[in-house]
Amino acid sequence: MSLDADDVAKIAHLARLEISQDNVAEYARNLSSILDLVEQMSAVSTEGVEPMAHPLSLAQRLRPDVVTETDQRDAFQHNGPQVEAGLYLVPKVIE
């Protein structure tokens, strides 16, 4: 697929990008080559290929789900201006 200067200008406008007129031809060439690559990839038959989330069959190592920090809520709330029932009280901002 080949893009011309008007197409590049329209794409730049939609993307809210400013492109100088000196660079429009280079952008058109680069974008056209990207679209050509996408067309080539679309032409490849993927029938029988199972979708995968990652190209390598690796299992993610997980750490044990255990609590590693102590509860410091009371110490943190001691510094708060107003606290009630374990919650910070804040001024009403919406009426």
Protein backbone atom coordinates (compact mmCIF):
# COMPACT_ATOMS: atom_id res chain seq x y z
CA MET A 1 0.00 0.00 0.00
CA SER A 2 1.39 3.35 -0.96
CA LEU A 3 0.66 6.54 0.93
CA ASP A 4 0.96 10.00 -0.55
CA ALA A 5 1.64 13.34 1.12
CA ASP A 6 -2.07 14.04 1.69
CA ASP A 7 -2.52 10.71 3.49
CA VAL A 8 0.46 11.42 5.74
CA ALA A 9 -0.82 14.90 6.52
CA LYS A 10 -4.25 13.50 7.41
CA ILE A 11 -2.72 10.77 9.63
CA ALA A 12 -0.52 13.37 11.35
CA HIS A 13 -3.54 15.59 11.94
CA LEU A 14 -5.56 12.72 13.42
CA ALA A 15 -2.63 11.76 15.66
CA ARG A 16 -2.14 15.42 16.60
CA LEU A 17 1.46 15.37 15.32
CA GLU A 18 3.24 18.22 13.64
CA ILE A 19 5.34 17.13 10.66
CA SER A 20 7.37 19.58 8.63
CA GLN A 21 6.86 19.52 4.87
CA ASP A 22 10.50 18.49 4.43
CA ASN A 23 9.85 15.19 6.22
CA VAL A 24 6.50 14.23 4.65
CA ALA A 25 8.07 12.17 1.86
CA GLU A 26 10.21 10.20 4.33
CA TYR A 27 7.21 9.55 6.58
CA ALA A 28 5.16 8.43 3.59
CA ARG A 29 7.90 6.00 2.56
CA ASN A 30 8.29 4.62 6.11
CA LEU A 31 4.55 4.26 6.72
CA SER A 32 4.09 2.59 3.33
CA SER A 33 6.79 0.04 4.14
CA ILE A 34 5.13 -0.70 7.50
CA LEU A 35 1.77 -1.22 5.81
CA ASP A 36 3.43 -3.47 3.21
CA LEU A 37 4.90 -5.57 6.01
CA VAL A 38 1.46 -5.87 7.62
CA GLU A 39 0.01 -7.02 4.28
CA GLN A 40 2.75 -9.65 3.98
CA MET A 41 2.05 -10.88 7.50
CA SER A 42 -1.69 -11.04 6.78
CA ALA A 43 -1.01 -13.20 3.73
CA VAL A 44 0.70 -15.91 5.82
CA SER A 45 -1.52 -18.90 6.54
CA THR A 46 -1.89 -19.39 10.29
CA GLU A 47 -4.32 -22.27 10.06
CA GLY A 48 -3.54 -24.88 12.69
CA VAL A 49 -1.26 -22.56 14.66
CA GLU A 50 -2.28 -22.34 18.30
CA PRO A 51 -2.38 -18.78 19.70
CA MET A 52 0.09 -18.14 22.48
CA ALA A 53 0.77 -15.36 24.94
CA HIS A 54 4.55 -15.74 24.74
CA PRO A 55 6.83 -17.28 22.11
CA LEU A 56 8.69 -19.36 24.70
CA SER A 57 7.16 -22.10 26.85
CA LEU A 58 8.29 -20.81 30.20
CA ALA A 59 6.59 -21.04 33.57
CA GLN A 60 6.71 -17.93 35.68
CA ARG A 61 8.38 -18.39 39.03
CA LEU A 62 6.12 -17.10 41.78
CA ARG A 63 7.07 -16.25 45.32
CA PRO A 64 5.07 -17.67 48.22
CA ASP A 65 2.01 -15.60 49.09
CA VAL A 66 2.93 -14.72 52.65
CA VAL A 67 2.78 -11.46 54.60
CA THR A 68 6.26 -9.97 54.90
CA GLU A 69 5.49 -6.62 56.55
CA THR A 70 3.94 -5.80 59.89
CA ASP A 71 0.68 -3.89 60.24
CA GLN A 72 1.60 -0.23 60.81
CA ARG A 73 -1.83 1.31 60.27
CA ASP A 74 -2.06 2.71 63.81
CA ALA A 75 1.38 4.31 63.52
CA PHE A 76 0.52 5.90 60.16
CA GLN A 77 -2.89 7.09 61.31
CA HIS A 78 -1.36 8.65 64.40
CA ASN A 79 0.10 11.29 62.03
CA GLY A 80 -3.26 11.97 60.33
CA PRO A 81 -5.26 15.05 61.33
CA GLN A 82 -8.58 13.19 61.79
CA VAL A 83 -9.08 9.45 62.06
CA GLU A 84 -12.17 7.48 62.96
CA ALA A 85 -12.69 3.68 63.01
CA GLY A 86 -9.45 3.08 61.12
CA LEU A 87 -10.32 5.57 58.34
CA TYR A 88 -8.89 8.99 57.49
CA LEU A 89 -11.51 11.74 57.65
CA VAL A 90 -11.27 14.36 54.91
CA PRO A 91 -13.26 17.52 54.25
CA LYS A 92 -16.28 17.25 52.00
CA VAL A 93 -15.37 18.54 48.53
CA ILE A 94 -18.55 17.74 46.56
CA GLU A 95 -21.91 19.05 47.67
